[in-house]
Amino acid sequence: MDGYGTREPESGVRMSPRPDPWRADQPVSIRPAGARELSEIAALYAPALEPYRGSGSDWILDAYLGELMDVRPRFEEAEVLVAERGGRIVGTIAFYADVRLEGWSNLPAGWAGFRALAVHPRMRGAGIGEALIRRCVERARDVGAETLGIHTITLLTDAVRLYGRVGFARCPEFDLRAADIFPSENADEMVGLAFRLDVEPASVKGR
């Protein structure tokens, strides 16, 4: 299954199996995505959002999914990062050195940001989402941003808990009405919740 088993070629010579990305002992690496990997990145989003369906707010997931799967605009504006395990992309995030480059964000210019976080459902609980976020914190420090800002919605409960665990704090003055970002005739009063993390400068962190 998934193309990771050993097979016998026609020559009768047994080939070495590819590493199984679902094995707990396989290391995870985080790196910039390549242009040829955009379709593989896009394929992560539908499975990642599926567990949140059925709440009555599927309209926002449908709209969000359509935007997420169009990876190329983010690839051209942001640093699209991937988590790779056993030769397979199992997670992704997009880091913005200036959060205003997201296009719709109302967070202050000069803040860094990230969005489009996704982890393959089979890899949940392995710390991959947190590792991707912490890489964005490092990148914010690298570019000299004092604050890392993000938006999410309460429907994405795992993300909300993860951001709190990493140290993000709510900044409700920057909350958004989700329907203003993703207009829909089925829209409800879903709110895009704003969070911030103040980033320690490298000189302070290294003391």
N, C-alpha and C. Protein backbone atom coordinates (compact mmCIF):
# COMPACT_ATOMS: atom_id res chain seq x y z
N MET A 1 0.84 -1.19 0.00
CA MET A 1 0.00 0.00 0.00
C MET A 1 0.88 1.25 0.00
N ASP A 2 0.39 2.33 -0.57
CA ASP A 2 1.08 3.60 -0.61
C ASP A 2 2.39 3.54 -1.39
N GLY A 3 2.68 2.41 -2.04
CA GLY A 3 3.88 2.32 -2.85
C GLY A 3 5.16 2.17 -2.07
N TYR A 4 5.08 1.73 -0.81
CA TYR A 4 6.28 1.64 0.00
C TYR A 4 6.72 0.21 0.27
N GLY A 5 6.08 -0.79 -0.34
CA GLY A 5 6.46 -2.17 -0.11
C GLY A 5 7.56 -2.61 -1.06
N THR A 6 8.21 -3.69 -0.71
CA THR A 6 9.22 -4.28 -1.60
C THR A 6 8.51 -5.07 -2.68
N ARG A 7 9.01 -4.99 -3.91
CA ARG A 7 8.41 -5.76 -4.98
C ARG A 7 9.49 -6.50 -5.75
N GLU A 8 9.09 -7.53 -6.42
CA GLU A 8 10.03 -8.31 -7.24
C GLU A 8 9.95 -7.82 -8.68
N PRO A 9 11.03 -7.26 -9.23
CA PRO A 9 11.02 -6.84 -10.62
C PRO A 9 11.06 -8.06 -11.53
N GLU A 10 10.83 -7.83 -12.83
CA GLU A 10 10.78 -8.93 -13.79
C GLU A 10 12.11 -9.65 -13.88
N SER A 11 13.21 -8.95 -13.55
CA SER A 11 14.53 -9.58 -13.63
C SER A 11 14.75 -10.61 -12.54
N GLY A 12 13.88 -10.62 -11.53
CA GLY A 12 14.02 -11.53 -10.42
C GLY A 12 14.94 -11.03 -9.33
N VAL A 13 15.53 -9.85 -9.52
CA VAL A 13 16.41 -9.26 -8.50
C VAL A 13 15.56 -8.48 -7.51
N ARG A 14 15.70 -8.80 -6.24
CA ARG A 14 14.90 -8.15 -5.22
C ARG A 14 15.45 -6.74 -4.94
N MET A 15 14.58 -5.75 -5.00
CA MET A 15 14.97 -4.37 -4.79
C MET A 15 14.78 -4.00 -3.31
N SER A 16 15.59 -3.06 -2.82
CA SER A 16 15.45 -2.60 -1.44
C SER A 16 14.16 -1.81 -1.29
N PRO A 17 13.45 -2.01 -0.19
CA PRO A 17 12.20 -1.26 0.01
C PRO A 17 12.46 0.21 0.28
N ARG A 18 11.52 1.04 -0.13
CA ARG A 18 11.60 2.45 0.22
C ARG A 18 11.25 2.59 1.70
N PRO A 19 11.81 3.58 2.38
CA PRO A 19 11.46 3.79 3.79
C PRO A 19 9.97 4.02 3.96
N ASP A 20 9.40 3.50 5.01
CA ASP A 20 7.98 3.67 5.30
C ASP A 20 7.80 4.94 6.11
N PRO A 21 7.15 6.00 5.56
CA PRO A 21 7.04 7.27 6.29
C PRO A 21 6.17 7.18 7.53
N TRP A 22 5.38 6.14 7.67
CA TRP A 22 4.48 6.04 8.83
C TRP A 22 5.16 5.38 10.03
N ARG A 23 6.36 4.85 9.84
CA ARG A 23 7.06 4.21 10.96
C ARG A 23 7.59 5.27 11.92
N ALA A 24 7.41 5.02 13.21
CA ALA A 24 7.79 6.00 14.23
C ALA A 24 9.29 6.26 14.25
N ASP A 25 10.11 5.31 13.78
CA ASP A 25 11.55 5.50 13.86
C ASP A 25 12.12 6.22 12.64
N GLN A 26 11.28 6.61 11.70
CA GLN A 26 11.76 7.36 10.55
C GLN A 26 11.95 8.83 10.94
N PRO A 27 13.11 9.43 10.68
CA PRO A 27 13.32 10.84 11.02
C PRO A 27 12.50 11.77 10.14
N VAL A 28 12.21 12.95 10.66
CA VAL A 28 11.48 13.98 9.92
C VAL A 28 12.42 15.14 9.65
N SER A 29 12.45 15.60 8.42
CA SER A 29 13.23 16.78 8.06
C SER A 29 12.29 17.87 7.58
N ILE A 30 12.64 19.12 7.87
CA ILE A 30 11.86 20.27 7.41
C ILE A 30 12.75 21.07 6.47
N ARG A 31 12.20 21.38 5.31
CA ARG A 31 13.00 22.04 4.27
C ARG A 31 12.08 22.86 3.38
N PRO A 32 12.65 23.77 2.57
CA PRO A 32 11.84 24.49 1.59
C PRO A 32 11.28 23.54 0.54
N ALA A 33 10.08 23.81 0.09
CA ALA A 33 9.46 23.01 -0.96
C ALA A 33 10.08 23.34 -2.31
N GLY A 34 10.02 22.36 -3.21
CA GLY A 34 10.44 22.58 -4.58
C GLY A 34 9.24 22.81 -5.49
N ALA A 35 9.46 23.45 -6.61
CA ALA A 35 8.38 23.78 -7.53
C ALA A 35 7.66 22.54 -8.05
N ARG A 36 8.34 21.42 -8.11
CA ARG A 36 7.73 20.20 -8.62
C ARG A 36 6.88 19.48 -7.56
N GLU A 37 6.86 20.00 -6.34
CA GLU A 37 6.15 19.34 -5.25
C GLU A 37 4.81 19.97 -4.92
N LEU A 38 4.37 20.95 -5.71
CA LEU A 38 3.16 21.69 -5.36
C LEU A 38 1.92 20.80 -5.35
N SER A 39 1.82 19.87 -6.28
CA SER A 39 0.64 19.00 -6.31
C SER A 39 0.64 18.05 -5.12
N GLU A 40 1.81 17.60 -4.70
CA GLU A 40 1.89 16.73 -3.52
C GLU A 40 1.51 17.50 -2.26
N ILE A 41 1.91 18.77 -2.20
CA ILE A 41 1.51 19.61 -1.07
C ILE A 41 0.01 19.82 -1.08
N ALA A 42 -0.56 20.14 -2.24
CA ALA A 42 -2.00 20.38 -2.35
C ALA A 42 -2.81 19.18 -1.88
N ALA A 43 -2.28 17.98 -2.11
CA ALA A 43 -3.01 16.76 -1.75
C ALA A 43 -3.12 16.55 -0.25
N LEU A 44 -2.38 17.30 0.54
CA LEU A 44 -2.45 17.15 1.99
C LEU A 44 -3.71 17.77 2.59
N TYR A 45 -4.28 18.77 1.92
CA TYR A 45 -5.26 19.62 2.59
C TYR A 45 -6.63 18.98 2.80
N ALA A 46 -7.15 18.29 1.81
CA ALA A 46 -8.48 17.68 1.98
C ALA A 46 -8.48 16.67 3.12
N PRO A 47 -7.52 15.74 3.20
CA PRO A 47 -7.50 14.82 4.33
C PRO A 47 -7.32 15.53 5.67
N ALA A 48 -6.53 16.61 5.69
CA ALA A 48 -6.29 17.32 6.93
C ALA A 48 -7.55 18.00 7.46
N LEU A 49 -8.41 18.48 6.56
CA LEU A 49 -9.64 19.18 6.98
C LEU A 49 -10.83 18.25 7.20
N GLU A 50 -10.76 17.05 6.68
CA GLU A 50 -11.90 16.13 6.74
C GLU A 50 -12.42 15.89 8.16
N PRO A 51 -11.56 15.74 9.18
CA PRO A 51 -12.09 15.47 10.53
C PRO A 51 -12.96 16.59 11.10
N TYR A 52 -12.90 17.78 10.52
CA TYR A 52 -13.65 18.92 11.06
C TYR A 52 -15.00 19.13 10.38
N ARG A 53 -15.33 18.28 9.43
CA ARG A 53 -16.58 18.43 8.70
C ARG A 53 -17.76 17.90 9.50
N GLY A 54 -18.96 18.40 9.13
CA GLY A 54 -20.19 17.94 9.76
C GLY A 54 -20.68 18.81 10.89
N SER A 55 -20.04 19.95 11.11
CA SER A 55 -20.43 20.82 12.22
C SER A 55 -21.51 21.82 11.84
N GLY A 56 -21.84 21.90 10.56
CA GLY A 56 -22.76 22.93 10.09
C GLY A 56 -22.03 24.11 9.49
N SER A 57 -20.70 24.11 9.57
CA SER A 57 -19.91 25.20 8.99
C SER A 57 -18.99 24.69 7.87
N ASP A 58 -19.48 23.70 7.14
CA ASP A 58 -18.68 23.16 6.04
C ASP A 58 -18.42 24.20 4.96
N TRP A 59 -19.23 25.25 4.92
CA TRP A 59 -19.04 26.28 3.90
C TRP A 59 -17.63 26.89 4.00
N ILE A 60 -17.16 27.12 5.22
CA ILE A 60 -15.85 27.73 5.37
C ILE A 60 -14.75 26.73 5.01
N LEU A 61 -14.97 25.45 5.30
CA LEU A 61 -13.97 24.45 4.93
C LEU A 61 -13.90 24.30 3.42
N ASP A 62 -15.05 24.33 2.75
CA ASP A 62 -15.05 24.23 1.29
C ASP A 62 -14.30 25.40 0.66
N ALA A 63 -14.60 26.62 1.16
CA ALA A 63 -13.95 27.80 0.61
C ALA A 63 -12.46 27.81 0.91
N TYR A 64 -12.13 27.45 2.13
CA TYR A 64 -10.73 27.43 2.56
C TYR A 64 -9.94 26.38 1.78
N LEU A 65 -10.54 25.21 1.58
CA LEU A 65 -9.87 24.15 0.86
C LEU A 65 -9.55 24.57 -0.57
N GLY A 66 -10.50 25.22 -1.23
CA GLY A 66 -10.25 25.67 -2.59
C GLY A 66 -9.06 26.61 -2.67
N GLU A 67 -8.93 27.48 -1.66
CA GLU A 67 -7.82 28.42 -1.63
C GLU A 67 -6.51 27.71 -1.29
N LEU A 68 -6.57 26.79 -0.34
CA LEU A 68 -5.36 26.08 0.09
C LEU A 68 -4.74 25.26 -1.04
N MET A 69 -5.58 24.63 -1.84
CA MET A 69 -5.07 23.73 -2.87
C MET A 69 -4.40 24.48 -4.02
N ASP A 70 -4.61 25.79 -4.10
CA ASP A 70 -3.93 26.59 -5.11
C ASP A 70 -2.60 27.05 -4.50
N VAL A 71 -1.63 26.17 -4.50
CA VAL A 71 -0.38 26.38 -3.77
C VAL A 71 0.54 27.39 -4.45
N ARG A 72 0.49 27.48 -5.76
CA ARG A 72 1.48 28.28 -6.48
C ARG A 72 1.54 29.74 -6.04
N PRO A 73 0.41 30.45 -5.83
CA PRO A 73 0.54 31.84 -5.37
C PRO A 73 1.30 31.95 -4.06
N ARG A 74 1.10 31.01 -3.13
CA ARG A 74 1.87 31.04 -1.89
C ARG A 74 3.35 30.75 -2.16
N PHE A 75 3.60 29.84 -3.07
CA PHE A 75 4.97 29.48 -3.40
C PHE A 75 5.73 30.69 -3.95
N GLU A 76 5.02 31.56 -4.64
CA GLU A 76 5.66 32.74 -5.24
C GLU A 76 5.80 33.90 -4.27
N GLU A 77 4.95 33.93 -3.21
CA GLU A 77 4.95 35.05 -2.27
C GLU A 77 5.61 34.72 -0.94
N ALA A 78 5.57 33.45 -0.56
CA ALA A 78 6.01 33.05 0.78
C ALA A 78 7.10 31.99 0.69
N GLU A 79 7.56 31.55 1.84
CA GLU A 79 8.46 30.41 1.93
C GLU A 79 7.62 29.19 2.29
N VAL A 80 7.33 28.38 1.30
CA VAL A 80 6.56 27.17 1.55
C VAL A 80 7.52 26.11 2.05
N LEU A 81 7.25 25.63 3.26
CA LEU A 81 8.09 24.61 3.89
C LEU A 81 7.35 23.29 3.92
N VAL A 82 8.10 22.21 3.87
CA VAL A 82 7.50 20.89 3.98
C VAL A 82 8.23 20.07 5.03
N ALA A 83 7.47 19.17 5.66
CA ALA A 83 8.04 18.14 6.53
C ALA A 83 8.08 16.86 5.72
N GLU A 84 9.23 16.26 5.67
CA GLU A 84 9.43 15.06 4.85
C GLU A 84 9.84 13.89 5.75
N ARG A 85 9.24 12.77 5.50
CA ARG A 85 9.57 11.57 6.27
C ARG A 85 9.56 10.37 5.33
N GLY A 86 10.63 9.61 5.31
CA GLY A 86 10.70 8.45 4.44
C GLY A 86 10.50 8.77 2.98
N GLY A 87 10.94 9.96 2.55
CA GLY A 87 10.81 10.36 1.16
C GLY A 87 9.44 10.87 0.78
N ARG A 88 8.55 11.03 1.76
CA ARG A 88 7.18 11.47 1.48
C ARG A 88 6.89 12.76 2.24
N ILE A 89 6.20 13.71 1.61
CA ILE A 89 5.80 14.95 2.26
C ILE A 89 4.61 14.66 3.17
N VAL A 90 4.78 14.91 4.46
CA VAL A 90 3.75 14.59 5.44
C VAL A 90 3.21 15.82 6.15
N GLY A 91 3.74 17.00 5.82
CA GLY A 91 3.25 18.23 6.43
C GLY A 91 3.77 19.43 5.66
N THR A 92 3.11 20.58 5.88
CA THR A 92 3.51 21.79 5.17
C THR A 92 3.03 23.02 5.92
N ILE A 93 3.68 24.14 5.64
CA ILE A 93 3.30 25.45 6.19
C ILE A 93 3.89 26.50 5.27
N ALA A 94 3.30 27.69 5.26
CA ALA A 94 3.82 28.80 4.45
C ALA A 94 4.20 29.95 5.38
N PHE A 95 5.46 30.35 5.35
CA PHE A 95 5.95 31.44 6.17
C PHE A 95 6.04 32.72 5.35
N TYR A 96 5.54 33.82 5.93
CA TYR A 96 5.59 35.14 5.30
C TYR A 96 6.48 36.06 6.13
N ALA A 97 7.54 36.56 5.54
CA ALA A 97 8.41 37.49 6.25
C ALA A 97 7.65 38.76 6.62
N ASP A 98 6.68 39.16 5.82
CA ASP A 98 5.76 40.26 6.12
C ASP A 98 4.35 39.72 5.98
N VAL A 99 3.61 39.70 7.07
CA VAL A 99 2.29 39.07 7.08
C VAL A 99 1.33 39.72 6.08
N ARG A 100 1.57 40.97 5.71
CA ARG A 100 0.68 41.65 4.76
C ARG A 100 0.76 41.03 3.37
N LEU A 101 1.80 40.27 3.11
CA LEU A 101 1.91 39.60 1.81
C LEU A 101 0.88 38.49 1.65
N GLU A 102 0.22 38.10 2.75
CA GLU A 102 -0.86 37.12 2.64
C GLU A 102 -2.00 37.65 1.77
N GLY A 103 -2.14 38.96 1.70
CA GLY A 103 -3.15 39.56 0.84
C GLY A 103 -4.38 40.05 1.55
N TRP A 104 -4.88 39.31 2.55
CA TRP A 104 -6.12 39.68 3.22
C TRP A 104 -5.90 39.97 4.70
N SER A 105 -4.72 39.75 5.21
CA SER A 105 -4.47 39.90 6.64
C SER A 105 -4.59 41.36 7.07
N ASN A 106 -5.19 41.59 8.24
CA ASN A 106 -5.27 42.93 8.82
C ASN A 106 -4.24 43.11 9.94
N LEU A 107 -3.32 42.17 10.07
CA LEU A 107 -2.28 42.28 11.08
C LEU A 107 -1.28 43.36 10.67
N PRO A 108 -0.59 43.96 11.63
CA PRO A 108 0.27 45.11 11.32
C PRO A 108 1.41 44.77 10.36
N ALA A 109 1.69 45.70 9.47
CA ALA A 109 2.86 45.57 8.60
C ALA A 109 4.10 45.47 9.49
N GLY A 110 5.03 44.62 9.08
CA GLY A 110 6.24 44.41 9.87
C GLY A 110 6.18 43.15 10.71
N TRP A 111 4.96 42.67 11.00
CA TRP A 111 4.85 41.36 11.64
C TRP A 111 5.15 40.30 10.59
N ALA A 112 5.72 39.19 11.01
CA ALA A 112 5.80 38.02 10.16
C ALA A 112 4.54 37.19 10.38
N GLY A 113 4.33 36.20 9.54
CA GLY A 113 3.13 35.36 9.68
C GLY A 113 3.33 34.01 9.04
N PHE A 114 2.39 33.13 9.30
CA PHE A 114 2.34 31.86 8.59
C PHE A 114 0.90 31.45 8.43
N ARG A 115 0.68 30.57 7.49
CA ARG A 115 -0.65 30.04 7.26
C ARG A 115 -0.53 28.73 6.49
N ALA A 116 -1.69 28.15 6.16
CA ALA A 116 -1.74 26.94 5.33
C ALA A 116 -0.98 25.78 5.97
N LEU A 117 -1.11 25.64 7.29
CA LEU A 117 -0.50 24.51 8.01
C LEU A 117 -1.35 23.27 7.78
N ALA A 118 -0.71 22.18 7.44
CA ALA A 118 -1.41 20.90 7.29
C ALA A 118 -0.45 19.76 7.62
N VAL A 119 -0.98 18.75 8.28
CA VAL A 119 -0.23 17.53 8.58
C VAL A 119 -1.09 16.35 8.16
N HIS A 120 -0.48 15.38 7.52
CA HIS A 120 -1.23 14.19 7.11
C HIS A 120 -1.88 13.55 8.34
N PRO A 121 -3.17 13.16 8.25
CA PRO A 121 -3.85 12.58 9.42
C PRO A 121 -3.10 11.43 10.08
N ARG A 122 -2.38 10.63 9.30
CA ARG A 122 -1.66 9.50 9.89
C ARG A 122 -0.44 9.93 10.70
N MET A 123 -0.08 11.21 10.59
CA MET A 123 1.08 11.72 11.31
C MET A 123 0.70 12.61 12.47
N ARG A 124 -0.57 12.75 12.75
CA ARG A 124 -0.97 13.57 13.89
C ARG A 124 -0.47 12.96 15.18
N GLY A 125 -0.04 13.83 16.09
CA GLY A 125 0.50 13.37 17.35
C GLY A 125 1.99 13.10 17.32
N ALA A 126 2.62 13.28 16.15
CA ALA A 126 4.06 13.03 16.02
C ALA A 126 4.89 14.28 16.20
N GLY A 127 4.24 15.42 16.49
CA GLY A 127 4.96 16.66 16.72
C GLY A 127 5.34 17.42 15.46
N ILE A 128 4.80 17.01 14.33
CA ILE A 128 5.19 17.63 13.06
C ILE A 128 4.63 19.04 12.94
N GLY A 129 3.37 19.25 13.32
CA GLY A 129 2.79 20.59 13.28
C GLY A 129 3.58 21.56 14.14
N GLU A 130 3.92 21.14 15.34
CA GLU A 130 4.70 22.01 16.23
C GLU A 130 6.08 22.29 15.66
N ALA A 131 6.70 21.29 15.06
CA ALA A 131 8.02 21.50 14.46
C ALA A 131 7.96 22.51 13.31
N LEU A 132 6.91 22.44 12.50
CA LEU A 132 6.75 23.40 11.40
C LEU A 132 6.55 24.81 11.94
N ILE A 133 5.74 24.95 12.99
CA ILE A 133 5.52 26.27 13.58
C ILE A 133 6.81 26.81 14.17
N ARG A 134 7.54 25.98 14.87
CA ARG A 134 8.78 26.45 15.49
C ARG A 134 9.81 26.86 14.42
N ARG A 135 9.79 26.21 13.27
CA ARG A 135 10.66 26.65 12.18
C ARG A 135 10.25 28.05 11.72
N CYS A 136 8.94 28.33 11.70
CA CYS A 136 8.49 29.68 11.33
C CYS A 136 8.91 30.71 12.36
N VAL A 137 8.91 30.33 13.64
CA VAL A 137 9.41 31.23 14.68
C VAL A 137 10.89 31.54 14.43
N GLU A 138 11.66 30.53 14.08
CA GLU A 138 13.07 30.73 13.76
C GLU A 138 13.24 31.65 12.56
N ARG A 139 12.39 31.46 11.54
CA ARG A 139 12.49 32.29 10.35
C ARG A 139 12.10 33.74 10.67
N ALA A 140 11.10 33.93 11.53
CA ALA A 140 10.74 35.29 11.94
C ALA A 140 11.92 35.96 12.64
N ARG A 141 12.61 35.21 13.47
CA ARG A 141 13.80 35.74 14.15
C ARG A 141 14.88 36.07 13.12
N ASP A 142 15.05 35.20 12.14
CA ASP A 142 16.07 35.41 11.11
C ASP A 142 15.85 36.71 10.35
N VAL A 143 14.58 37.03 10.05
CA VAL A 143 14.29 38.22 9.24
C VAL A 143 14.11 39.47 10.09
N GLY A 144 14.28 39.33 11.41
CA GLY A 144 14.22 40.48 12.30
C GLY A 144 12.82 40.91 12.68
N ALA A 145 11.82 40.05 12.48
CA ALA A 145 10.46 40.40 12.87
C ALA A 145 10.31 40.25 14.39
N GLU A 146 9.67 41.21 15.03
CA GLU A 146 9.49 41.16 16.47
C GLU A 146 8.25 40.37 16.87
N THR A 147 7.33 40.19 15.92
CA THR A 147 6.07 39.51 16.23
C THR A 147 5.68 38.60 15.08
N LEU A 148 5.15 37.44 15.43
CA LEU A 148 4.62 36.48 14.46
C LEU A 148 3.12 36.42 14.68
N GLY A 149 2.34 36.75 13.65
CA GLY A 149 0.88 36.80 13.79
C GLY A 149 0.17 35.84 12.87
N ILE A 150 -0.96 35.31 13.33
CA ILE A 150 -1.72 34.31 12.56
C ILE A 150 -3.20 34.49 12.81
N HIS A 151 -4.01 33.89 11.95
CA HIS A 151 -5.46 33.76 12.14
C HIS A 151 -5.84 32.28 12.04
N THR A 152 -6.85 31.90 12.78
CA THR A 152 -7.46 30.59 12.62
C THR A 152 -8.92 30.70 13.04
N ILE A 153 -9.64 29.59 13.04
CA ILE A 153 -11.05 29.59 13.46
C ILE A 153 -11.23 28.54 14.55
N THR A 154 -12.24 28.74 15.38
CA THR A 154 -12.47 27.82 16.50
C THR A 154 -12.76 26.41 16.01
N LEU A 155 -13.30 26.28 14.79
CA LEU A 155 -13.61 24.97 14.24
C LEU A 155 -12.37 24.08 14.17
N LEU A 156 -11.22 24.68 13.93
CA LEU A 156 -9.97 23.93 13.82
C LEU A 156 -9.37 23.77 15.22
N THR A 157 -10.00 22.94 16.00
CA THR A 157 -9.68 22.83 17.43
C THR A 157 -8.25 22.39 17.69
N ASP A 158 -7.74 21.48 16.88
CA ASP A 158 -6.36 21.02 17.09
C ASP A 158 -5.37 22.15 16.87
N ALA A 159 -5.64 22.99 15.87
CA ALA A 159 -4.75 24.12 15.61
C ALA A 159 -4.78 25.12 16.76
N VAL A 160 -5.96 25.41 17.27
CA VAL A 160 -6.09 26.36 18.39
C VAL A 160 -5.29 25.87 19.59
N ARG A 161 -5.42 24.58 19.90
CA ARG A 161 -4.67 24.03 21.04
C ARG A 161 -3.17 24.08 20.79
N LEU A 162 -2.77 23.78 19.56
CA LEU A 162 -1.36 23.78 19.22
C LEU A 162 -0.75 25.16 19.36
N TYR A 163 -1.44 26.19 18.88
CA TYR A 163 -0.91 27.54 18.98
C TYR A 163 -0.76 27.96 20.44
N GLY A 164 -1.72 27.58 21.27
CA GLY A 164 -1.59 27.89 22.69
C GLY A 164 -0.41 27.18 23.33
N ARG A 165 -0.18 25.94 22.93
CA ARG A 165 0.92 25.17 23.49
C ARG A 165 2.28 25.77 23.11
N VAL A 166 2.36 26.30 21.89
CA VAL A 166 3.62 26.89 21.44
C VAL A 166 3.87 28.25 22.11
N GLY A 167 2.80 28.90 22.57
CA GLY A 167 2.96 30.18 23.27
C GLY A 167 2.27 31.37 22.65
N PHE A 168 1.44 31.15 21.63
CA PHE A 168 0.70 32.24 21.03
C PHE A 168 -0.37 32.76 21.98
N ALA A 169 -0.61 34.07 21.94
CA ALA A 169 -1.64 34.71 22.75
C ALA A 169 -2.68 35.35 21.85
N ARG A 170 -3.92 35.39 22.31
CA ARG A 170 -4.99 36.02 21.54
C ARG A 170 -4.77 37.52 21.44
N CYS A 171 -5.09 38.07 20.26
CA CYS A 171 -5.13 39.53 20.07
C CYS A 171 -6.43 39.84 19.34
N PRO A 172 -7.56 39.84 20.08
CA PRO A 172 -8.89 39.95 19.46
C PRO A 172 -9.13 41.24 18.70
N GLU A 173 -8.30 42.25 18.91
CA GLU A 173 -8.46 43.50 18.16
C GLU A 173 -8.23 43.29 16.66
N PHE A 174 -7.62 42.16 16.30
CA PHE A 174 -7.37 41.86 14.89
C PHE A 174 -8.24 40.70 14.38
N ASP A 175 -9.25 40.31 15.14
CA ASP A 175 -10.16 39.27 14.65
C ASP A 175 -10.84 39.72 13.36
N LEU A 176 -11.19 38.75 12.53
CA LEU A 176 -11.84 39.01 11.25
C LEU A 176 -13.14 38.21 11.15
N ARG A 177 -14.08 38.71 10.41
CA ARG A 177 -15.28 37.94 10.07
C ARG A 177 -14.92 37.04 8.89
N ALA A 178 -15.06 35.73 9.08
CA ALA A 178 -14.62 34.78 8.05
C ALA A 178 -15.30 35.02 6.71
N ALA A 179 -16.57 35.41 6.75
CA ALA A 179 -17.31 35.63 5.50
C ALA A 179 -16.78 36.81 4.70
N ASP A 180 -16.05 37.71 5.36
CA ASP A 180 -15.44 38.82 4.62
C ASP A 180 -14.24 38.35 3.81
N ILE A 181 -13.64 37.25 4.23
CA ILE A 181 -12.50 36.68 3.51
C ILE A 181 -12.97 35.66 2.48
N PHE A 182 -13.96 34.85 2.87
CA PHE A 182 -14.49 33.81 1.99
C PHE A 182 -16.00 34.01 1.85
N PRO A 183 -16.44 34.95 1.00
CA PRO A 183 -17.87 35.21 0.84
C PRO A 183 -18.62 33.95 0.40
N SER A 184 -19.79 33.73 1.00
CA SER A 184 -20.60 32.56 0.66
C SER A 184 -22.05 32.83 1.04
N GLU A 185 -22.98 32.34 0.24
CA GLU A 185 -24.39 32.48 0.58
C GLU A 185 -24.77 31.63 1.78
N ASN A 186 -23.91 30.69 2.14
CA ASN A 186 -24.14 29.84 3.30
C ASN A 186 -23.38 30.30 4.54
N ALA A 187 -22.77 31.48 4.45
CA ALA A 187 -21.91 31.94 5.53
C ALA A 187 -22.68 32.16 6.83
N ASP A 188 -22.00 31.88 7.94
CA ASP A 188 -22.53 32.17 9.27
C ASP A 188 -21.62 33.22 9.91
N GLU A 189 -21.65 33.33 11.20
CA GLU A 189 -20.88 34.36 11.88
C GLU A 189 -19.51 33.85 12.36
N MET A 190 -18.97 32.88 11.68
CA MET A 190 -17.66 32.36 12.03
C MET A 190 -16.63 33.48 12.04
N VAL A 191 -15.79 33.49 13.07
CA VAL A 191 -14.79 34.53 13.25
C VAL A 191 -13.39 33.96 13.04
N GLY A 192 -12.58 34.71 12.32
CA GLY A 192 -11.17 34.38 12.21
C GLY A 192 -10.43 34.94 13.42
N LEU A 193 -9.98 34.07 14.29
CA LEU A 193 -9.35 34.47 15.55
C LEU A 193 -7.90 34.84 15.32
N ALA A 194 -7.48 35.99 15.84
CA ALA A 194 -6.10 36.45 15.68
C ALA A 194 -5.26 36.05 16.89
N PHE A 195 -4.03 35.64 16.61
CA PHE A 195 -3.06 35.27 17.65
C PHE A 195 -1.73 35.92 17.33
N ARG A 196 -0.93 36.14 18.37
CA ARG A 196 0.40 36.71 18.18
C ARG A 196 1.40 36.01 19.09
N LEU A 197 2.64 36.01 18.64
CA LEU A 197 3.75 35.51 19.44
C LEU A 197 4.88 36.51 19.32
N ASP A 198 5.31 37.07 20.43
CA ASP A 198 6.44 37.99 20.42
C ASP A 198 7.72 37.18 20.32
N VAL A 199 8.56 37.53 19.36
CA VAL A 199 9.75 36.76 19.03
C VAL A 199 10.97 37.38 19.69
N GLU A 200 11.69 36.58 20.47
CA GLU A 200 12.92 37.07 21.07
C GLU A 200 14.00 37.25 20.00
N PRO A 201 14.71 38.38 20.03
CA PRO A 201 15.82 38.53 19.08
C PRO A 201 16.87 37.44 19.29
N ALA A 202 17.62 37.17 18.25
CA ALA A 202 18.63 36.13 18.33
C ALA A 202 19.65 36.41 19.43
N SER A 203 20.01 37.67 19.62
CA SER A 203 21.00 38.02 20.64
C SER A 203 20.51 37.70 22.04
N VAL A 204 19.19 37.89 22.28
CA VAL A 204 18.61 37.59 23.58
C VAL A 204 18.51 36.09 23.77
N LYS A 205 18.03 35.38 22.74
CA LYS A 205 17.85 33.95 22.82
C LYS A 205 19.18 33.25 23.06
N GLY A 206 20.25 33.78 22.48
CA GLY A 206 21.52 33.12 22.56
C GLY A 206 22.34 33.41 23.82
N ARG A 207 21.84 34.28 24.68
CA ARG A 207 22.60 34.64 25.89
C ARG A 207 22.73 33.48 26.86
